[in-house]
N, C-alpha and C. Protein backbone atom coordinates (compact mmCIF):
# COMPACT_ATOMS: atom_id res chain seq x y z
N MET A 1 19.77 -5.18 18.03
CA MET A 1 19.23 -4.33 16.85
C MET A 1 20.47 -3.85 16.08
N SER A 2 19.78 -5.18 14.86
CA SER A 2 20.64 -5.05 13.46
C SER A 2 21.51 -3.30 12.59
N ASN A 3 21.89 -3.48 11.91
CA ASN A 3 22.00 -2.10 11.20
C ASN A 3 21.54 -1.80 9.84
N LEU A 4 20.45 -2.45 10.32
CA LEU A 4 19.76 -2.13 8.70
C LEU A 4 18.54 -1.97 10.00
N ASP A 5 18.06 -2.64 11.91
CA ASP A 5 16.61 -1.49 12.10
C ASP A 5 17.08 -0.59 12.42
N ILE A 6 18.61 -0.18 13.11
CA ILE A 6 18.49 1.21 13.30
C ILE A 6 18.63 1.99 11.83
N LYS A 7 19.29 1.69 10.66
CA LYS A 7 18.91 2.66 9.95
C LYS A 7 17.07 3.10 9.95
N LYS A 8 16.59 1.76 9.85
CA LYS A 8 15.21 2.36 9.17
C LYS A 8 14.48 3.56 10.38
N MET A 9 14.81 3.21 11.08
CA MET A 9 14.75 3.11 12.83
C MET A 9 14.98 5.02 12.36
N LYS A 10 16.10 5.35 11.82
CA LYS A 10 16.59 7.03 11.86
C LYS A 10 15.85 7.43 10.59
N ASN A 11 15.39 6.37 8.98
CA ASN A 11 14.86 7.34 8.56
C ASN A 11 13.38 7.15 8.68
N ALA A 12 12.84 6.46 9.57
CA ALA A 12 11.51 6.27 9.85
C ALA A 12 11.00 7.48 11.25
N ILE A 13 12.27 7.92 11.57
CA ILE A 13 12.58 9.43 12.51
C ILE A 13 12.35 10.71 11.42
N ARG A 14 13.14 10.70 10.94
CA ARG A 14 13.70 11.83 9.12
C ARG A 14 12.81 11.96 8.74
N TYR A 15 11.70 10.94 8.27
CA TYR A 15 10.60 11.03 7.31
C TYR A 15 9.43 10.76 7.79
N LYS A 16 9.15 11.03 8.82
CA LYS A 16 8.54 11.19 10.61
C LYS A 16 6.66 11.58 9.31
N SER A 17 5.86 10.72 9.43
CA SER A 17 4.84 11.18 9.23
C SER A 17 3.49 9.76 9.23
N SER A 18 2.59 10.14 10.03
CA SER A 18 1.26 9.62 10.23
C SER A 18 0.87 8.75 8.92
N LEU A 19 0.28 7.63 9.54
CA LEU A 19 -0.41 6.68 8.74
C LEU A 19 -1.63 7.19 8.59
N GLU A 20 -2.17 8.42 9.12
CA GLU A 20 -3.06 8.82 8.33
C GLU A 20 -3.52 10.14 7.21
N ASN A 21 -1.97 10.48 7.42
CA ASN A 21 -1.45 11.43 6.18
C ASN A 21 -0.89 10.73 5.48
N ILE A 22 -0.35 9.49 5.20
CA ILE A 22 -0.34 8.65 3.80
C ILE A 22 -1.32 8.44 3.09
N SER A 23 -1.75 7.84 4.27
CA SER A 23 -3.00 6.54 3.98
C SER A 23 -3.79 8.23 2.70
N LYS A 24 -4.58 9.38 3.51
CA LYS A 24 -4.96 10.41 2.66
C LYS A 24 -4.16 10.77 1.21
N TYR A 25 -2.87 11.05 0.93
CA TYR A 25 -1.88 10.83 0.11
C TYR A 25 -2.91 9.71 -0.92
N LYS A 26 -1.64 8.79 -0.69
CA LYS A 26 -2.29 7.61 -1.37
C LYS A 26 -3.45 7.22 -1.99
N ILE A 27 -5.06 7.47 -1.31
CA ILE A 27 -6.45 7.96 -1.52
C ILE A 27 -6.21 8.85 -2.71
N PHE A 28 -5.38 10.08 -2.34
CA PHE A 28 -5.77 11.16 -3.65
C PHE A 28 -4.69 11.18 -4.97
N GLU A 29 -3.30 9.95 -4.48
CA GLU A 29 -2.66 9.53 -5.93
C GLU A 29 -3.74 8.34 -6.49
N TYR A 30 -4.46 7.22 -5.85
CA TYR A 30 -4.63 6.48 -6.82
C TYR A 30 -5.97 6.83 -7.83
N ARG A 31 -6.75 8.13 -6.65
CA ARG A 31 -8.16 8.84 -7.79
C ARG A 31 -7.45 9.40 -8.52
N ARG A 32 -6.57 9.95 -8.00
CA ARG A 32 -6.13 10.69 -9.59
C ARG A 32 -5.67 9.82 -10.28
N ARG A 33 -4.73 8.83 -10.55
CA ARG A 33 -4.62 7.89 -11.68
C ARG A 33 -5.80 7.34 -12.25
N ASP A 34 -7.51 6.06 -11.15
CA ASP A 34 -8.10 5.71 -11.24
C ASP A 34 -9.22 7.19 -12.61
N LYS A 35 -9.12 8.24 -12.47
CA LYS A 35 -9.38 9.63 -13.10
C LYS A 35 -9.60 9.54 -15.02
N ASN A 36 -7.92 9.21 -14.67
CA ASN A 36 -7.26 9.33 -15.79
C ASN A 36 -6.94 8.54 -16.33
N LYS A 37 -8.18 7.60 -16.13
CA LYS A 37 -7.66 5.97 -16.44
C LYS A 37 -9.10 5.93 -17.24
N GLY A 38 -9.57 6.42 -17.03
CA GLY A 38 -11.14 6.09 -17.07
C GLY A 38 -12.39 5.44 -16.06
N ARG A 39 -11.68 4.96 -15.09
CA ARG A 39 -11.75 3.81 -14.25
C ARG A 39 -12.60 4.97 -12.82
N ASP A 40 -14.69 4.48 -13.45
CA ASP A 40 -15.79 5.02 -12.73
C ASP A 40 -16.35 4.24 -11.72
N TYR A 41 -16.29 5.21 -10.48
CA TYR A 41 -16.91 4.48 -9.13
C TYR A 41 -17.76 5.55 -9.05
N ASN A 42 -17.96 4.97 -7.76
CA ASN A 42 -19.07 5.63 -6.80
C ASN A 42 -18.49 5.89 -5.86
N ILE A 43 -18.25 7.01 -5.28
CA ILE A 43 -17.29 7.54 -3.80
C ILE A 43 -17.86 6.74 -3.00
N ASP A 44 -18.77 6.28 -2.54
CA ASP A 44 -19.69 5.81 -1.43
C ASP A 44 -19.03 4.41 -1.32
N ASP A 45 -18.56 3.35 -2.43
CA ASP A 45 -17.33 2.36 -2.53
C ASP A 45 -15.94 2.51 -2.55
N TYR A 46 -15.83 3.48 -2.78
CA TYR A 46 -14.33 3.77 -2.69
C TYR A 46 -13.26 4.00 -1.52
N ILE A 47 -12.11 3.53 -1.61
CA ILE A 47 -11.59 3.00 0.23
C ILE A 47 -10.72 4.10 0.17
N THR A 48 -11.12 4.57 1.79
CA THR A 48 -11.17 5.46 2.25
C THR A 48 -10.05 5.42 4.10
N VAL A 49 -9.42 6.22 4.36
CA VAL A 49 -7.95 6.14 5.19
C VAL A 49 -9.15 5.20 6.57
N GLU A 50 -10.08 5.00 7.01
CA GLU A 50 -10.38 4.03 8.26
C GLU A 50 -10.20 2.53 7.41
N TRP A 51 -10.44 2.25 5.62
CA TRP A 51 -10.98 0.52 5.41
C TRP A 51 -9.08 0.37 5.31
N ILE A 52 -8.56 1.53 5.38
CA ILE A 52 -6.25 1.13 5.03
C ILE A 52 -6.15 0.55 6.60
N LYS A 53 -6.41 1.35 7.75
CA LYS A 53 -6.28 1.56 9.12
C LYS A 53 -6.98 -0.02 9.30
N GLU A 54 -7.99 -0.50 9.26
CA GLU A 54 -8.47 -1.66 9.23
C GLU A 54 -8.27 -2.57 8.67
N LYS A 55 -7.96 -3.19 7.86
CA LYS A 55 -7.68 -4.01 7.29
C LYS A 55 -5.84 -4.10 7.22
N ILE A 56 -5.49 -2.84 7.73
CA ILE A 56 -3.65 -3.38 8.46
C ILE A 56 -4.02 -3.71 9.18
N LYS A 57 -4.85 -3.53 10.76
CA LYS A 57 -5.60 -4.07 11.71
C LYS A 57 -5.52 -5.42 11.91
N GLU A 58 -6.19 -5.77 10.71
CA GLU A 58 -6.68 -7.21 10.66
C GLU A 58 -5.36 -8.41 10.57
N ASN A 59 -4.62 -7.39 9.70
CA ASN A 59 -2.81 -8.19 9.22
C ASN A 59 -2.03 -6.83 8.48
N PRO A 60 -1.29 -6.82 9.71
CA PRO A 60 -0.08 -6.12 9.44
C PRO A 60 0.95 -7.03 8.77
N GLN A 61 0.83 -7.69 7.92
CA GLN A 61 1.65 -8.02 6.65
C GLN A 61 1.20 -8.14 5.47
N CYS A 62 2.21 -7.70 4.93
CA CYS A 62 1.73 -8.17 3.35
C CYS A 62 1.01 -9.75 2.68
N SER A 63 -0.21 -9.88 2.77
CA SER A 63 -0.67 -10.96 2.32
C SER A 63 -0.79 -12.16 0.72
N LEU A 64 0.56 -11.68 0.36
CA LEU A 64 1.10 -11.96 -0.80
C LEU A 64 3.25 -12.65 0.38
N CYS A 65 3.67 -11.84 0.63
CA CYS A 65 4.88 -12.44 0.65
C CYS A 65 4.87 -12.75 2.32
N LYS A 66 4.11 -12.41 3.30
CA LYS A 66 4.37 -12.17 4.48
C LYS A 66 4.86 -11.67 5.50
N CYS A 67 6.48 -10.33 4.78
CA CYS A 67 6.44 -9.00 4.99
C CYS A 67 6.18 -8.60 6.81
N GLU A 68 6.68 -7.84 7.05
CA GLU A 68 5.85 -7.08 7.91
C GLU A 68 5.99 -5.30 7.06
N LEU A 69 4.93 -5.24 7.42
CA LEU A 69 4.69 -3.49 6.05
C LEU A 69 4.66 -2.55 7.46
N LEU A 70 5.63 -1.69 6.58
CA LEU A 70 6.00 0.23 7.48
C LEU A 70 4.94 0.63 6.99
N LEU A 71 4.36 1.33 8.28
CA LEU A 71 3.65 2.40 8.34
C LEU A 71 3.39 4.02 8.20
N CYS A 72 5.06 3.61 8.12
CA CYS A 72 5.40 4.97 8.34
C CYS A 72 6.22 5.76 7.15
N ARG A 73 6.36 7.21 6.54
CA ARG A 73 7.00 6.96 5.37
C ARG A 73 8.78 6.88 5.57
N TYR A 74 8.79 5.76 4.80
CA TYR A 74 10.97 5.62 4.64
C TYR A 74 10.87 5.94 3.34
N PRO A 75 12.75 6.06 3.32
CA PRO A 75 13.17 5.92 1.84
C PRO A 75 11.92 6.20 1.32
N LYS A 76 12.08 6.17 -0.35
CA LYS A 76 10.99 6.74 -1.76
C LYS A 76 12.32 5.14 -2.02
N ASN A 77 10.44 4.39 -2.47
CA ASN A 77 10.41 3.74 -2.81
C ASN A 77 10.72 1.86 -1.43
N ASP A 78 10.36 2.36 -0.61
CA ASP A 78 11.06 1.07 0.22
C ASP A 78 9.93 0.28 0.03
N GLY A 79 10.53 -1.38 -0.22
CA GLY A 79 9.93 -2.30 -0.94
C GLY A 79 8.87 -2.58 0.83
N GLN A 80 9.17 -2.55 1.95
CA GLN A 80 7.85 -2.50 2.70
C GLN A 80 6.81 -1.86 2.77
N GLN A 81 6.62 -0.59 2.49
CA GLN A 81 5.99 0.38 2.71
C GLN A 81 4.14 -0.69 2.11
N PHE A 82 3.22 -0.26 3.06
CA PHE A 82 2.08 -1.17 2.27
C PHE A 82 1.23 0.08 1.68
N SER A 83 0.78 -0.79 0.44
CA SER A 83 0.11 -0.71 -0.16
C SER A 83 -1.10 -0.84 -0.89
N VAL A 84 -2.55 -0.29 -1.59
CA VAL A 84 -3.21 -1.02 -2.13
C VAL A 84 -3.16 -1.76 -3.41
N GLN A 85 -3.79 -2.65 -3.42
CA GLN A 85 -3.45 -3.34 -4.48
C GLN A 85 -5.04 -3.43 -5.23
N ARG A 86 -5.17 -3.11 -6.55
CA ARG A 86 -6.42 -3.87 -7.09
C ARG A 86 -6.71 -5.38 -7.64
N ILE A 87 -7.21 -6.12 -7.29
CA ILE A 87 -7.45 -7.53 -7.90
C ILE A 87 -8.10 -7.27 -8.78
N ASN A 88 -8.56 -6.60 -9.63
CA ASN A 88 -9.08 -6.30 -10.73
C ASN A 88 -8.45 -4.31 -11.40
N ASN A 89 -8.12 -5.10 -12.02
CA ASN A 89 -7.40 -3.02 -12.79
C ASN A 89 -8.29 -2.63 -13.64
N LYS A 90 -8.83 -3.20 -14.33
CA LYS A 90 -10.11 -2.83 -14.69
C LYS A 90 -11.05 -1.39 -14.45
N LEU A 91 -11.45 -2.35 -12.98
CA LEU A 91 -11.82 -1.23 -11.77
C LEU A 91 -10.69 -0.44 -10.97
N ALA A 92 -12.36 0.20 -10.60
CA ALA A 92 -10.72 1.24 -9.31
C ALA A 92 -10.68 1.07 -8.41
N HIS A 93 -10.37 1.78 -6.72
CA HIS A 93 -9.86 1.27 -5.92
C HIS A 93 -10.53 1.48 -5.35
N ILE A 94 -12.38 0.33 -5.25
CA ILE A 94 -13.28 0.67 -4.62
C ILE A 94 -12.92 -0.86 -3.33
N LYS A 95 -13.59 -0.29 -2.55
CA LYS A 95 -14.08 -1.00 -0.86
C LYS A 95 -12.84 -3.13 -1.82
N LYS A 96 -14.69 -3.69 -2.46
CA LYS A 96 -13.85 -4.59 -3.36
C LYS A 96 -13.79 -5.40 -3.55
N ASN A 97 -12.97 -4.27 -4.36
CA ASN A 97 -11.64 -4.95 -5.18
C ASN A 97 -9.98 -4.57 -5.00
N CYS A 98 -10.04 -4.52 -3.45
CA CYS A 98 -8.99 -3.63 -2.73
C CYS A 98 -8.24 -4.97 -2.02
N CYS A 99 -7.13 -4.55 -1.62
CA CYS A 99 -6.33 -5.91 -0.41
C CYS A 99 -5.33 -4.88 -0.39
N ILE A 100 -4.54 -5.29 0.61
CA ILE A 100 -3.78 -4.38 1.56
C ILE A 100 -2.64 -5.17 0.90
N ILE A 101 -0.38 -4.76 0.59
CA ILE A 101 0.11 -5.92 0.17
C ILE A 101 1.04 -4.73 0.67
N CYS A 102 2.66 -5.10 0.31
CA CYS A 102 4.10 -4.18 0.52
C CYS A 102 4.03 -3.81 -1.09
N TRP A 103 4.55 -2.34 -0.96
CA TRP A 103 4.68 -2.08 -2.14
C TRP A 103 5.31 -2.11 -3.63
N LYS A 104 6.84 -3.48 -2.37
CA LYS A 104 7.09 -4.66 -3.71
C LYS A 104 6.57 -5.47 -4.34
N CYS A 105 5.75 -6.27 -3.73
CA CYS A 105 4.48 -7.53 -4.52
C CYS A 105 3.61 -6.47 -5.25
N ASN A 106 3.10 -5.25 -4.49
CA ASN A 106 2.89 -4.36 -5.93
C ASN A 106 2.82 -4.60 -7.25
N HIS A 107 4.09 -4.24 -7.13
CA HIS A 107 4.55 -3.81 -8.20
C HIS A 107 5.91 -5.05 -9.25
N ILE A 108 5.30 -5.88 -8.41
CA ILE A 108 5.67 -7.28 -9.23
C ILE A 108 4.93 -7.96 -9.85
N ALA A 109 3.11 -7.97 -8.48
CA ALA A 109 2.18 -8.61 -9.81
C ALA A 109 2.16 -7.82 -10.52
N LYS A 110 1.56 -6.23 -10.69
CA LYS A 110 1.38 -5.17 -12.21
C LYS A 110 1.91 -5.69 -13.48
N ARG A 111 3.40 -6.46 -13.27
CA ARG A 111 3.70 -6.85 -14.17
C ARG A 111 3.71 -8.50 -13.81
N GLY A 112 2.19 -8.65 -13.72
CA GLY A 112 1.94 -10.91 -13.80
C GLY A 112 2.84 -11.74 -13.16
N LYS A 113 3.72 -11.07 -12.23
CA LYS A 113 5.13 -12.25 -12.42
C LYS A 113 5.02 -12.99 -10.59
N TYR A 114 4.00 -13.16 -10.53
CA TYR A 114 3.39 -13.49 -8.95
C TYR A 114 4.37 -14.33 -8.57
N ASP A 115 4.91 -15.42 -10.05
CA ASP A 115 6.22 -16.63 -8.94
C ASP A 115 7.14 -16.22 -8.71
N LYS A 116 7.69 -14.86 -8.61
CA LYS A 116 8.69 -14.23 -8.25
C LYS A 116 8.38 -14.26 -6.60
N ILE A 117 6.86 -13.89 -6.40
CA ILE A 117 6.85 -12.95 -4.68
C ILE A 117 7.33 -14.38 -4.02
N LYS A 118 7.58 -14.31 -2.69
CA LYS A 118 8.58 -15.22 -1.95
C LYS A 118 7.67 -15.04 -1.26
N LYS A 119 6.68 -16.56 -0.83
CA LYS A 119 6.21 -16.56 0.04
C LYS A 119 6.79 -17.39 1.21
């Protein structure tokens, strides 16, 4: 086991939280941002904890850079933590408009720099 793996394991223990709790928090934040930006949605179409779990179970890797997604709380801004990417940024975080990618790719994609993502 490398020093990096040991460090990540220690951080995982230190920031221990469940995928469900992290998903609930992220969904809360996504709803808040969608509301603040005036992005309307039908609550039945909005992403859920179950939707996130299902998507991660289907593919536990970032669909852009192929890194293994981190599913528990790691240090703030860890690039491998999972993130929900809106395909059309004019729409809310609804199921048909979202996919799961890593936080790093989400932030690169936000700036329109897809060519910087290593696959």
